[in-house]
N, C-alpha and C. Protein backbone atom coordinates (compact mmCIF):
# COMPACT_ATOMS: atom_id res chain seq x y z
N MET A 1 89.34 116.72 105.54
CA MET A 1 90.98 116.90 105.30
C MET A 1 91.16 116.52 106.82
N VAL A 2 92.36 115.66 106.82
CA VAL A 2 93.19 115.53 108.19
C VAL A 2 94.06 116.66 108.45
N ASP A 3 93.84 117.25 109.90
CA ASP A 3 94.69 118.10 110.50
C ASP A 3 96.11 117.74 110.20
N SER A 4 96.82 118.75 109.53
CA SER A 4 98.41 118.45 109.39
C SER A 4 99.20 118.40 110.58
N ASN A 5 98.65 118.86 111.40
CA ASN A 5 99.41 118.60 112.98
C ASN A 5 99.35 117.03 113.43
N LEU A 6 97.99 116.72 113.36
CA LEU A 6 98.12 115.17 113.67
C LEU A 6 99.09 114.26 112.86
N ILE A 7 99.11 114.65 111.60
CA ILE A 7 100.53 113.89 110.95
C ILE A 7 101.92 114.42 111.45
N LYS A 8 101.80 115.61 111.76
CA LYS A 8 103.50 116.10 112.17
C LYS A 8 103.72 115.51 113.57
N ASP A 9 102.56 115.48 114.32
CA ASP A 9 102.84 114.88 115.50
C ASP A 9 103.32 113.71 115.94
N LEU A 10 102.80 112.43 114.84
CA LEU A 10 103.48 111.14 114.67
C LEU A 10 104.37 111.35 114.33
N PHE A 11 105.19 111.86 113.48
CA PHE A 11 106.59 111.92 112.88
C PHE A 11 107.37 112.24 114.07
N LEU A 12 106.79 113.37 114.92
CA LEU A 12 107.81 114.06 115.65
C LEU A 12 107.71 112.95 117.40
N LEU A 13 106.90 112.14 117.20
CA LEU A 13 107.10 111.08 118.34
C LEU A 13 107.86 110.19 117.66
N LEU A 14 107.74 109.56 116.37
CA LEU A 14 108.81 108.52 116.03
C LEU A 14 110.30 109.51 115.90
N ASN A 15 110.35 110.19 115.97
CA ASN A 15 111.84 110.71 115.55
C ASN A 15 112.28 111.24 117.28
N LYS A 16 111.58 111.76 117.99
CA LYS A 16 111.85 112.04 119.52
C LYS A 16 112.40 110.54 119.79
N ASN A 17 111.85 109.67 119.61
CA ASN A 17 112.14 107.93 120.33
C ASN A 17 112.68 107.11 119.51
N ASN A 18 113.56 107.95 118.65
CA ASN A 18 114.61 107.19 117.73
C ASN A 18 114.05 105.65 117.24
N ILE A 19 112.92 105.94 116.55
CA ILE A 19 112.30 104.76 115.98
C ILE A 19 112.98 104.73 114.60
N ASN A 20 113.40 103.52 114.05
CA ASN A 20 113.66 103.35 113.05
C ASN A 20 112.73 103.26 111.74
N TYR A 21 112.35 103.92 111.02
CA TYR A 21 111.23 104.09 109.88
C TYR A 21 111.44 104.87 109.03
N VAL A 22 110.98 104.49 107.91
CA VAL A 22 110.64 105.28 106.72
C VAL A 22 109.42 105.41 106.03
N LEU A 23 108.84 106.53 105.50
CA LEU A 23 107.51 107.00 104.78
C LEU A 23 107.85 106.37 103.39
N ILE A 24 106.96 105.26 102.93
CA ILE A 24 107.21 104.49 101.73
C ILE A 24 107.19 105.91 100.72
N LYS A 25 106.00 106.28 100.59
CA LYS A 25 105.66 106.86 99.50
C LYS A 25 104.93 108.13 99.84
N ASN A 26 104.81 109.25 99.14
CA ASN A 26 103.88 110.45 99.38
C ASN A 26 103.25 111.23 98.16
N ASP A 27 102.40 110.42 97.52
CA ASP A 27 101.94 110.52 96.06
C ASP A 27 101.23 112.11 95.99
N GLY A 28 101.83 112.49 94.94
CA GLY A 28 101.22 114.12 94.96
C GLY A 28 101.58 115.03 96.19
N ASN A 29 102.45 114.57 97.09
CA ASN A 29 102.85 115.44 98.24
C ASN A 29 101.56 115.83 99.13
N LYS A 30 100.58 114.69 99.04
CA LYS A 30 99.45 115.22 99.97
C LYS A 30 100.16 115.38 101.53
N ILE A 31 101.11 114.79 101.99
CA ILE A 31 101.19 114.52 103.40
C ILE A 31 102.44 116.09 103.35
N PRO A 32 101.92 116.63 104.56
CA PRO A 32 101.07 116.65 105.63
C PRO A 32 99.65 117.14 105.61
N ASP A 33 99.57 118.17 104.43
CA ASP A 33 98.83 119.37 104.62
C ASP A 33 97.52 118.83 103.72
N TYR A 34 97.42 117.83 102.55
CA TYR A 34 96.13 117.79 101.87
C TYR A 34 95.71 116.31 102.03
N LEU A 35 95.82 115.66 103.02
CA LEU A 35 95.62 114.31 103.42
C LEU A 35 94.01 114.27 103.27
N GLU A 36 93.23 113.39 102.76
CA GLU A 36 91.74 113.24 102.80
C GLU A 36 91.42 112.44 103.80
N ASP A 37 90.17 112.85 104.74
CA ASP A 37 89.82 111.93 105.79
C ASP A 37 89.64 110.47 105.62
N GLU A 38 90.17 110.03 106.89
CA GLU A 38 90.19 108.29 106.74
C GLU A 38 91.19 107.76 105.81
N LYS A 39 92.14 108.43 105.37
CA LYS A 39 93.10 107.89 104.10
C LYS A 39 94.20 107.24 105.34
N ASP A 40 95.23 106.54 104.91
CA ASP A 40 96.14 105.93 105.77
C ASP A 40 97.48 106.35 105.09
N ILE A 41 98.43 106.11 105.85
CA ILE A 41 99.96 106.71 105.45
C ILE A 41 100.90 105.56 105.76
N ASP A 42 101.44 104.99 104.86
CA ASP A 42 102.15 103.50 104.77
C ASP A 42 103.66 104.07 105.06
N PHE A 43 104.07 103.14 106.13
CA PHE A 43 105.29 103.17 106.41
C PHE A 43 106.26 101.68 106.35
N LEU A 44 107.47 102.05 106.39
CA LEU A 44 108.27 100.72 106.95
C LEU A 44 108.67 100.85 108.33
N ILE A 45 108.83 100.00 108.93
CA ILE A 45 109.31 100.01 110.20
C ILE A 45 110.39 98.94 110.56
N HIS A 46 111.45 99.25 110.79
CA HIS A 46 112.75 98.17 111.04
C HIS A 46 112.16 97.18 111.91
N PRO A 47 112.43 96.09 111.59
CA PRO A 47 112.22 94.56 112.31
C PRO A 47 112.64 94.97 113.73
N SER A 48 113.66 95.71 114.41
CA SER A 48 113.98 95.80 115.45
C SER A 48 113.64 96.74 116.20
N ALA A 49 112.75 97.41 115.57
CA ALA A 49 111.88 98.46 116.41
C ALA A 49 110.40 98.31 116.46
N TYR A 50 110.14 97.17 115.73
CA TYR A 50 108.72 96.61 115.58
C TYR A 50 107.91 96.51 116.75
N GLU A 51 108.54 95.91 117.84
CA GLU A 51 107.93 95.90 119.23
C GLU A 51 107.83 97.12 120.02
N LYS A 52 109.06 97.96 119.72
CA LYS A 52 108.97 99.34 120.78
C LYS A 52 107.79 100.16 119.89
N LEU A 53 107.74 100.26 118.40
CA LEU A 53 106.94 101.23 117.98
C LEU A 53 105.32 100.61 118.33
N LYS A 54 104.94 99.68 118.63
CA LYS A 54 103.62 98.94 118.88
C LYS A 54 103.38 99.54 120.45
N THR A 55 104.27 99.58 121.09
CA THR A 55 104.15 99.87 122.75
C THR A 55 103.97 101.58 122.59
N LEU A 56 104.91 102.30 121.89
CA LEU A 56 104.89 103.37 122.01
C LEU A 56 103.74 104.37 121.36
N LEU A 57 102.95 103.68 120.31
CA LEU A 57 101.90 104.25 119.74
C LEU A 57 100.58 103.83 120.58
N ILE A 58 100.89 103.01 121.25
CA ILE A 58 99.44 102.47 122.25
C ILE A 58 99.46 103.38 123.23
N ASN A 59 100.48 103.48 123.92
CA ASN A 59 101.04 104.29 124.97
C ASN A 59 100.85 105.87 124.90
N ASN A 60 100.55 106.53 123.82
CA ASN A 60 100.43 107.68 123.20
C ASN A 60 99.10 108.28 122.62
N GLY A 61 98.12 107.06 122.77
CA GLY A 61 96.50 107.24 122.57
C GLY A 61 96.41 106.93 120.98
N TYR A 62 96.97 105.99 120.54
CA TYR A 62 97.00 105.72 119.35
C TYR A 62 95.93 104.11 119.12
N GLU A 63 95.08 104.26 118.38
CA GLU A 63 94.28 103.30 118.83
C GLU A 63 94.49 102.15 117.49
N LYS A 64 94.89 100.87 118.52
CA LYS A 64 95.58 99.41 117.40
C LYS A 64 94.34 99.02 116.61
N LYS A 65 94.23 99.05 115.28
CA LYS A 65 93.45 98.27 114.51
C LYS A 65 93.79 96.93 114.09
N ILE A 66 92.65 96.42 113.27
CA ILE A 66 93.03 95.26 112.65
C ILE A 66 93.64 95.58 111.18
N GLY A 67 94.87 95.15 110.74
CA GLY A 67 95.26 95.63 109.49
C GLY A 67 95.02 94.55 108.48
N GLU A 68 95.96 94.43 107.44
CA GLU A 68 95.80 93.36 106.15
C GLU A 68 95.72 91.88 106.83
N SER A 69 96.60 91.59 107.77
CA SER A 69 96.55 90.35 108.07
C SER A 69 95.44 89.29 108.76
N CYS A 70 94.49 90.36 108.81
CA CYS A 70 92.81 89.55 108.98
C CYS A 70 92.54 89.05 107.73
N LYS A 71 93.01 89.26 106.61
CA LYS A 71 92.14 88.75 105.29
C LYS A 71 93.42 88.55 104.32
N ARG A 72 94.60 88.32 104.69
CA ARG A 72 96.04 87.93 103.98
C ARG A 72 96.79 87.06 104.70
N PHE A 73 97.03 85.96 104.25
CA PHE A 73 98.03 85.13 104.86
C PHE A 73 99.48 86.01 104.59
N PHE A 74 100.16 86.26 105.65
CA PHE A 74 101.38 86.87 105.78
C PHE A 74 102.26 85.51 105.71
N LEU A 75 103.17 85.45 104.41
CA LEU A 75 104.18 84.53 104.62
C LEU A 75 105.56 85.01 104.84
N TYR A 76 106.05 83.73 104.80
CA TYR A 76 107.95 83.74 104.89
C TYR A 76 108.24 84.57 106.42
N GLN A 77 107.37 84.22 107.48
CA GLN A 77 107.62 84.99 109.03
C GLN A 77 107.26 86.05 108.80
N LEU A 78 106.56 87.01 107.95
CA LEU A 78 106.26 88.48 107.70
C LEU A 78 105.61 88.29 109.13
N ARG A 79 105.86 89.51 110.01
CA ARG A 79 104.82 89.79 111.11
C ARG A 79 103.73 90.56 110.47
N GLU A 80 102.50 90.53 111.16
CA GLU A 80 101.13 91.28 111.11
C GLU A 80 101.73 92.68 110.88
N ASP A 81 101.25 93.59 109.86
CA ASP A 81 101.23 94.76 109.70
C ASP A 81 100.61 95.39 110.88
N LEU A 82 101.38 96.36 111.07
CA LEU A 82 100.54 97.30 112.56
C LEU A 82 99.79 98.51 112.04
N PHE A 83 98.52 98.48 112.19
CA PHE A 83 97.76 99.72 111.90
C PHE A 83 96.90 100.19 113.11
N PHE A 84 97.15 101.73 112.88
CA PHE A 84 96.54 102.25 114.14
C PHE A 84 95.96 103.57 113.76
N LYS A 85 95.03 104.11 114.47
CA LYS A 85 94.11 105.34 113.89
C LYS A 85 94.24 106.32 114.98
N LYS A 86 94.25 107.66 114.67
CA LYS A 86 94.17 108.73 115.69
C LYS A 86 93.16 109.54 114.90
N ASP A 87 92.20 109.91 115.66
CA ASP A 87 91.28 110.75 115.07
C ASP A 87 90.54 110.50 113.70
N ASN A 88 90.84 111.15 112.61
CA ASN A 88 90.38 110.72 111.25
C ASN A 88 91.56 110.37 110.39
N CYS A 89 92.84 109.88 110.98
CA CYS A 89 93.83 109.24 110.10
C CYS A 89 94.08 107.97 110.57
N TYR A 90 94.68 107.50 109.45
CA TYR A 90 95.36 105.61 109.96
C TYR A 90 96.73 106.04 109.61
N PHE A 91 97.36 105.12 110.24
CA PHE A 91 99.04 105.21 110.26
C PHE A 91 99.27 103.41 110.06
N HIS A 92 100.25 103.07 108.88
CA HIS A 92 100.15 101.88 108.66
C HIS A 92 101.40 101.59 108.22
N PHE A 93 101.85 100.53 109.11
CA PHE A 93 103.32 100.23 109.14
C PHE A 93 103.51 98.30 108.85
N TYR A 94 104.46 98.20 108.01
CA TYR A 94 105.11 97.04 107.64
C TYR A 94 106.32 96.86 107.99
N GLU A 95 106.87 95.86 108.44
CA GLU A 95 108.39 95.31 108.83
C GLU A 95 109.03 95.29 107.78
N ALA A 96 108.65 94.85 106.60
CA ALA A 96 109.25 94.68 105.30
C ALA A 96 108.32 95.23 104.20
N LEU A 97 109.13 95.70 103.13
CA LEU A 97 108.29 96.11 102.09
C LEU A 97 107.91 94.53 101.45
N PRO A 98 106.31 94.68 101.20
CA PRO A 98 105.74 93.63 100.69
C PRO A 98 105.52 93.71 99.48
N CYS A 99 104.59 92.46 98.65
CA CYS A 99 103.94 92.52 97.60
C CYS A 99 102.67 91.61 97.69
N ASN A 100 101.76 91.64 96.85
CA ASN A 100 100.97 90.47 96.55
C ASN A 100 101.53 89.52 95.61
N PRO A 101 101.73 88.64 95.73
CA PRO A 101 102.20 87.54 94.57
C PRO A 101 101.02 87.10 93.82
N LEU A 102 101.32 86.75 92.64
CA LEU A 102 100.61 86.62 91.32
C LEU A 102 100.31 85.08 91.28
N THR A 103 99.49 84.46 92.31
CA THR A 103 99.52 83.05 92.38
C THR A 103 97.94 82.66 92.78
N ASN A 104 97.69 81.47 92.36
CA ASN A 104 96.46 80.81 92.80
C ASN A 104 96.16 80.12 94.02
N MET A 105 97.10 80.55 94.97
CA MET A 105 97.24 80.04 96.44
C MET A 105 96.62 80.98 97.63
N GLY A 106 95.69 81.66 97.33
CA GLY A 106 94.78 82.67 97.95
C GLY A 106 95.52 83.83 98.25
N LYS A 107 94.77 84.55 99.00
CA LYS A 107 95.23 86.00 99.21
C LYS A 107 96.43 85.92 100.20
N CYS A 108 97.65 86.65 99.75
CA CYS A 108 98.96 86.42 100.80
C CYS A 108 99.65 87.48 100.51
N LYS A 109 100.44 87.80 101.54
CA LYS A 109 101.48 88.78 101.36
C LYS A 109 102.83 88.23 101.66
N ILE A 110 103.77 88.84 100.69
CA ILE A 110 105.31 87.99 101.10
C ILE A 110 106.37 89.17 101.05
N PRO A 111 107.13 89.19 101.85
CA PRO A 111 108.32 90.25 101.50
C PRO A 111 109.14 90.06 100.45
N LEU A 112 109.48 91.32 99.73
CA LEU A 112 110.29 91.41 98.81
C LEU A 112 111.92 90.80 99.12
N ASP A 113 112.70 90.60 98.41
CA ASP A 113 113.99 89.66 98.75
C ASP A 113 114.69 90.77 99.87
N SER A 114 115.50 89.99 100.47
CA SER A 114 116.25 90.75 101.39
C SER A 114 117.32 91.79 100.84
N ILE A 115 117.56 91.67 99.58
CA ILE A 115 118.56 92.72 98.96
C ILE A 115 117.81 94.11 98.56
N VAL A 116 116.20 94.11 98.39
CA VAL A 116 115.48 95.42 98.49
C VAL A 116 115.31 95.82 99.92
N GLN A 117 115.10 94.94 100.94
CA GLN A 117 114.95 95.58 101.95
C GLN A 117 116.53 96.18 102.92
N ASN A 118 117.49 95.61 102.43
CA ASN A 118 118.58 96.06 103.23
C ASN A 118 118.98 97.40 102.46
N TYR A 119 118.85 97.24 101.05
CA TYR A 119 118.89 98.57 100.07
C TYR A 119 118.35 99.86 100.77
N ILE A 120 116.89 99.64 101.16
CA ILE A 120 116.01 100.69 101.49
C ILE A 120 116.56 101.18 102.77
N TRP A 121 117.05 100.58 103.79
CA TRP A 121 117.43 100.94 105.31
C TRP A 121 119.04 101.60 105.13
N GLU A 122 119.65 101.10 104.14
CA GLU A 122 121.01 101.87 103.96
C GLU A 122 121.01 103.07 103.10
N ASN A 123 119.84 103.34 102.44
CA ASN A 123 119.64 104.40 101.40
C ASN A 123 119.10 105.15 102.10
N LYS A 124 118.05 105.37 103.00
CA LYS A 124 117.05 106.08 103.39
C LYS A 124 117.44 107.69 103.50
N LYS A 125 116.55 108.58 103.30
CA LYS A 125 116.95 109.96 103.17
C LYS A 125 116.32 110.55 104.16
N TRP A 126 116.77 111.83 104.49
CA TRP A 126 115.97 112.71 105.74
C TRP A 126 115.50 113.96 104.89
N ASP A 127 114.36 114.13 104.88
CA ASP A 127 113.40 114.96 103.98
C ASP A 127 113.72 115.97 105.07
N THR A 128 114.38 117.23 104.60
CA THR A 128 114.92 118.31 105.86
C THR A 128 113.62 119.30 105.71
N LYS A 129 112.91 119.40 104.88
CA LYS A 129 111.92 120.15 104.66
C LYS A 129 110.64 119.58 105.65
N ASN A 130 110.55 118.43 105.86
CA ASN A 130 109.32 118.08 106.30
C ASN A 130 109.65 117.39 107.87
N ASN A 131 111.03 116.90 107.93
CA ASN A 131 111.57 116.36 109.05
C ASN A 131 111.19 115.05 109.16
N TRP A 132 111.27 114.21 108.45
CA TRP A 132 110.94 112.69 108.38
C TRP A 132 111.82 111.78 107.30
N TRP A 133 112.14 110.57 107.80
CA TRP A 133 112.87 109.68 106.90
C TRP A 133 112.17 108.84 105.78
N ILE A 134 112.47 109.36 104.51
CA ILE A 134 111.81 108.60 103.26
C ILE A 134 112.62 107.66 102.66
N MET A 135 112.10 106.99 101.75
CA MET A 135 113.16 106.07 100.63
C MET A 135 113.44 106.98 99.86
N ASP A 136 115.02 106.36 99.40
CA ASP A 136 115.53 107.06 98.07
C ASP A 136 114.50 106.85 96.71
N ASN A 137 115.08 107.60 95.78
CA ASN A 137 114.19 107.63 94.62
C ASN A 137 114.29 106.40 93.96
N ILE A 138 115.52 105.64 94.09
CA ILE A 138 115.35 104.23 93.51
C ILE A 138 114.32 103.38 94.23
N SER A 139 114.13 103.37 95.47
CA SER A 139 113.46 102.66 95.97
C SER A 139 111.83 103.14 95.71
N ILE A 140 111.84 104.02 95.82
CA ILE A 140 110.21 104.54 95.31
C ILE A 140 110.11 104.16 94.08
N LEU A 141 110.60 104.41 93.09
CA LEU A 141 110.77 103.93 91.61
C LEU A 141 110.41 102.50 91.53
N LEU A 142 111.22 101.74 92.14
CA LEU A 142 111.00 100.36 92.04
C LEU A 142 109.53 99.80 92.69
N TYR A 143 109.48 100.40 94.10
CA TYR A 143 108.01 100.27 94.68
C TYR A 143 106.92 100.69 93.92
N LEU A 144 106.99 101.87 93.18
CA LEU A 144 105.56 101.91 92.23
C LEU A 144 105.58 101.03 91.54
N ILE A 145 106.70 100.38 90.54
CA ILE A 145 106.26 99.45 89.79
C ILE A 145 105.81 98.12 90.25
N ILE A 146 106.40 97.80 91.01
CA ILE A 146 105.86 96.41 92.15
C ILE A 146 104.60 96.44 92.16
N ARG A 147 104.30 97.65 93.00
CA ARG A 147 102.75 97.81 93.67
C ARG A 147 101.75 97.92 92.24
N SER A 148 102.05 98.52 91.32
CA SER A 148 101.14 98.49 89.94
C SER A 148 101.00 97.40 89.39
N VAL A 149 102.16 96.48 89.51
CA VAL A 149 102.01 95.18 88.76
C VAL A 149 101.29 93.94 90.06
N PHE A 150 101.72 93.86 90.89
CA PHE A 150 101.58 92.91 91.79
C PHE A 150 100.09 93.20 92.81
N ASP A 151 100.16 94.47 93.18
CA ASP A 151 99.04 94.53 94.14
C ASP A 151 98.03 95.39 93.32
N LYS A 152 97.79 96.42 92.46
CA LYS A 152 96.88 97.26 91.92
C LYS A 152 96.47 96.45 90.52
N LEU A 153 97.29 95.53 89.66
CA LEU A 153 97.40 95.17 88.72
C LEU A 153 96.93 96.14 87.62
N TYR A 154 97.39 97.18 87.84
CA TYR A 154 97.67 98.30 86.62
C TYR A 154 97.76 99.42 87.12
N PHE A 155 98.43 100.48 86.21
CA PHE A 155 99.50 101.62 86.63
C PHE A 155 98.39 102.63 86.64
N ARG A 156 97.95 103.29 88.13
CA ARG A 156 97.36 104.37 88.14
C ARG A 156 97.99 105.58 87.87
N PRO A 157 97.13 106.62 87.47
CA PRO A 157 97.64 107.53 86.90
C PRO A 157 98.64 108.53 88.01
N ILE A 158 98.23 108.38 89.28
CA ILE A 158 99.25 109.16 90.31
C ILE A 158 100.56 108.46 90.28
N TYR A 159 100.47 107.08 90.30
CA TYR A 159 101.80 106.36 90.23
C TYR A 159 102.65 106.60 88.75
N ILE A 160 102.02 106.57 87.47
CA ILE A 160 102.66 106.96 86.38
C ILE A 160 103.22 108.47 86.60
N GLU A 161 102.63 109.12 86.93
CA GLU A 161 103.24 110.67 87.50
C GLU A 161 104.49 110.53 88.31
N GLU A 162 104.54 109.71 89.23
CA GLU A 162 105.42 109.37 90.19
C GLU A 162 106.62 108.64 89.66
N ILE A 163 106.21 107.82 88.54
CA ILE A 163 107.32 106.91 88.24
C ILE A 163 108.27 108.17 87.31
N GLU A 164 107.48 108.62 86.67
CA GLU A 164 108.12 109.50 85.42
C GLU A 164 108.94 110.68 85.97
N LYS A 165 108.36 111.22 87.56
CA LYS A 165 109.31 111.88 88.16
C LYS A 165 110.84 111.51 88.43
N ARG A 166 110.83 110.33 88.47
CA ARG A 166 112.14 109.40 88.66
C ARG A 166 112.73 108.64 87.60
N ILE A 167 112.19 108.74 86.30
CA ILE A 167 112.70 107.77 85.34
C ILE A 167 114.02 107.78 85.04
N GLU A 168 115.05 108.99 85.40
CA GLU A 168 116.29 108.90 85.38
C GLU A 168 117.09 108.18 86.30
N TYR A 169 116.22 107.39 87.01
CA TYR A 169 117.25 106.38 87.84
C TYR A 169 116.76 105.01 87.29
N ILE A 170 116.13 104.81 86.29
CA ILE A 170 115.70 103.64 86.12
C ILE A 170 117.05 102.66 85.32
N ASP A 171 117.87 103.25 84.68
CA ASP A 171 119.25 102.74 84.06
C ASP A 171 120.26 102.92 85.14
N SER A 172 120.16 103.16 86.43
CA SER A 172 121.19 102.93 87.09
C SER A 172 121.21 101.61 87.61
N LYS A 173 122.57 101.47 87.85
CA LYS A 173 123.08 99.98 88.43
C LYS A 173 122.35 99.39 89.58
N ASP A 174 122.00 99.95 90.56
CA ASP A 174 121.09 99.62 91.61
C ASP A 174 119.69 99.24 91.34
N PHE A 175 119.04 100.13 90.49
CA PHE A 175 117.61 99.73 90.14
C PHE A 175 117.72 98.72 89.57
N TYR A 176 118.67 98.40 88.81
CA TYR A 176 118.82 96.97 87.83
C TYR A 176 119.04 95.70 88.84
N THR A 177 119.80 95.80 89.85
CA THR A 177 119.98 94.67 90.56
C THR A 177 118.58 94.73 91.41
N LEU A 178 118.19 95.49 91.96
CA LEU A 178 116.93 95.57 92.87
C LEU A 178 115.73 94.91 91.86
N ALA A 179 115.56 95.42 90.65
CA ALA A 179 114.39 94.97 90.27
C ALA A 179 114.49 93.93 89.62
N ASN A 180 115.89 92.98 89.15
CA ASN A 180 116.20 91.68 88.99
C ASN A 180 115.68 90.93 89.86
N SER A 181 116.07 91.11 91.38
CA SER A 181 115.59 90.29 92.30
C SER A 181 114.09 89.97 92.54
N VAL A 182 113.34 90.82 91.57
CA VAL A 182 111.91 90.77 91.81
C VAL A 182 110.93 90.07 89.88
N PHE A 183 111.76 90.76 89.25
CA PHE A 183 111.23 90.26 87.74
C PHE A 183 112.20 89.55 86.88
N PHE A 184 113.72 89.11 87.60
CA PHE A 184 114.23 88.12 86.87
C PHE A 184 114.79 88.76 85.36
N LYS A 185 114.29 87.72 84.51
CA LYS A 185 114.60 87.63 83.08
C LYS A 185 113.90 88.86 82.62
N PHE A 186 112.59 88.93 83.05
CA PHE A 186 111.94 90.11 82.77
C PHE A 186 112.29 91.33 82.81
N THR A 187 113.31 91.81 83.69
CA THR A 187 113.87 92.92 84.10
C THR A 187 113.96 93.85 82.81
N ASN A 188 114.73 93.49 81.71
CA ASN A 188 115.22 94.15 80.90
C ASN A 188 114.02 94.97 80.04
N HIS A 189 113.10 93.92 79.76
CA HIS A 189 112.12 94.08 78.73
C HIS A 189 111.06 94.72 79.72
N MET A 190 110.92 95.09 81.17
CA MET A 190 110.00 95.91 81.83
C MET A 190 110.67 97.18 81.93
N ILE A 191 111.94 97.31 81.85
CA ILE A 191 112.64 98.60 82.19
C ILE A 191 112.49 99.21 80.75
N GLU A 192 112.51 98.60 79.41
CA GLU A 192 112.25 99.16 78.31
C GLU A 192 110.47 99.49 78.23
N LEU A 193 109.72 98.79 78.63
CA LEU A 193 108.50 99.02 78.37
C LEU A 193 107.95 100.57 79.29
N VAL A 194 108.72 100.73 80.52
CA VAL A 194 108.31 101.95 81.37
C VAL A 194 109.25 102.96 80.50
N LYS A 195 110.21 102.93 80.14
CA LYS A 195 110.54 103.96 79.35
C LYS A 195 110.09 104.25 78.29
N GLU A 196 109.37 103.20 77.54
CA GLU A 196 108.71 103.81 76.31
C GLU A 196 107.19 104.37 76.57
N LYS A 197 106.78 104.09 77.95
CA LYS A 197 105.77 105.00 78.68
C LYS A 197 104.35 103.41 78.18
N LYS A 198 104.94 102.39 77.89
CA LYS A 198 103.49 101.49 77.60
C LYS A 198 103.36 100.87 78.75
N TYR A 199 102.53 101.26 79.58
CA TYR A 199 101.98 100.84 81.01
C TYR A 199 101.24 100.03 80.85
N GLU A 200 100.25 100.11 79.95
CA GLU A 200 99.32 99.00 80.07
C GLU A 200 99.79 97.84 79.16
N SER A 201 101.04 97.59 78.79
CA SER A 201 101.50 96.53 78.32
C SER A 201 102.42 95.40 79.34
N ILE A 202 102.52 96.33 80.46
CA ILE A 202 103.49 95.56 81.36
C ILE A 202 102.96 94.36 82.17
N LEU A 203 101.88 94.51 82.73
CA LEU A 203 101.41 93.39 83.48
C LEU A 203 101.23 92.00 82.40
N LYS A 204 100.46 92.74 81.34
CA LYS A 204 100.01 91.18 80.43
C LYS A 204 101.43 90.84 79.89
N GLU A 205 102.19 91.42 79.54
CA GLU A 205 103.71 90.83 79.18
C GLU A 205 104.41 90.19 80.23
N TYR A 206 104.26 90.53 81.33
CA TYR A 206 104.99 89.86 82.48
C TYR A 206 104.29 88.80 82.64
N LEU A 207 103.08 88.51 82.24
CA LEU A 207 102.23 87.23 82.87
C LEU A 207 102.61 86.08 81.88
N SER A 208 102.58 86.55 80.59
CA SER A 208 103.02 85.78 79.47
C SER A 208 104.18 85.41 79.21
N TYR A 209 105.03 86.12 79.80
CA TYR A 209 106.55 85.80 79.44
C TYR A 209 107.19 84.58 79.90
N LYS A 210 108.05 83.88 78.95
CA LYS A 210 108.37 82.66 78.94
C LYS A 210 109.76 82.39 78.88
N ASN A 211 110.50 83.45 78.35
CA ASN A 211 111.96 83.24 78.40
C ASN A 211 113.08 83.27 79.46
N TYR A 212 112.49 82.41 80.55
CA TYR A 212 113.25 82.38 81.78
C TYR A 212 114.44 81.44 82.10
């Protein structure tokens, strides 16, 4: 198990130095007390803080490792992910919320539409219990669905659990606007499938959808 103080120290460092970040998600509330050895914590880092973060972590004893950019093409000017290790914990930073496109052009990573990125930064929330910045529930809900469809290619049980914690937000105007920038005319049907808990059908029907 990762020492919770190791995780808390990282957030303290970020906050003390006014780094603009958000924790992407915290499945099952494993952070900070129940994270397993060698697991990573995923963050978004605002593009304006990208270089400052890199220098800050290196100067404070975090070891820079090679991240996903060594095995995927980062497209649309998306800079390499910043991947750091300290003791038995990894810290993973992206400058934009990305996904793996479902194409035959090789392994690559692309940023989601700017409407999603802007919404995340404008609506980030301060977690008063843990003293860190998190994405709001609409952003997390969208991310869990996108992650399941594009990156994992199925809905993991822990993702389903986290989605259903936030299901009340799926009918919001903001959620629809953000989801539509990704799923386009499939958005309404995707929402209905999630509400009906037909998770196993979402990827299959998305791939076969033709009414664009």
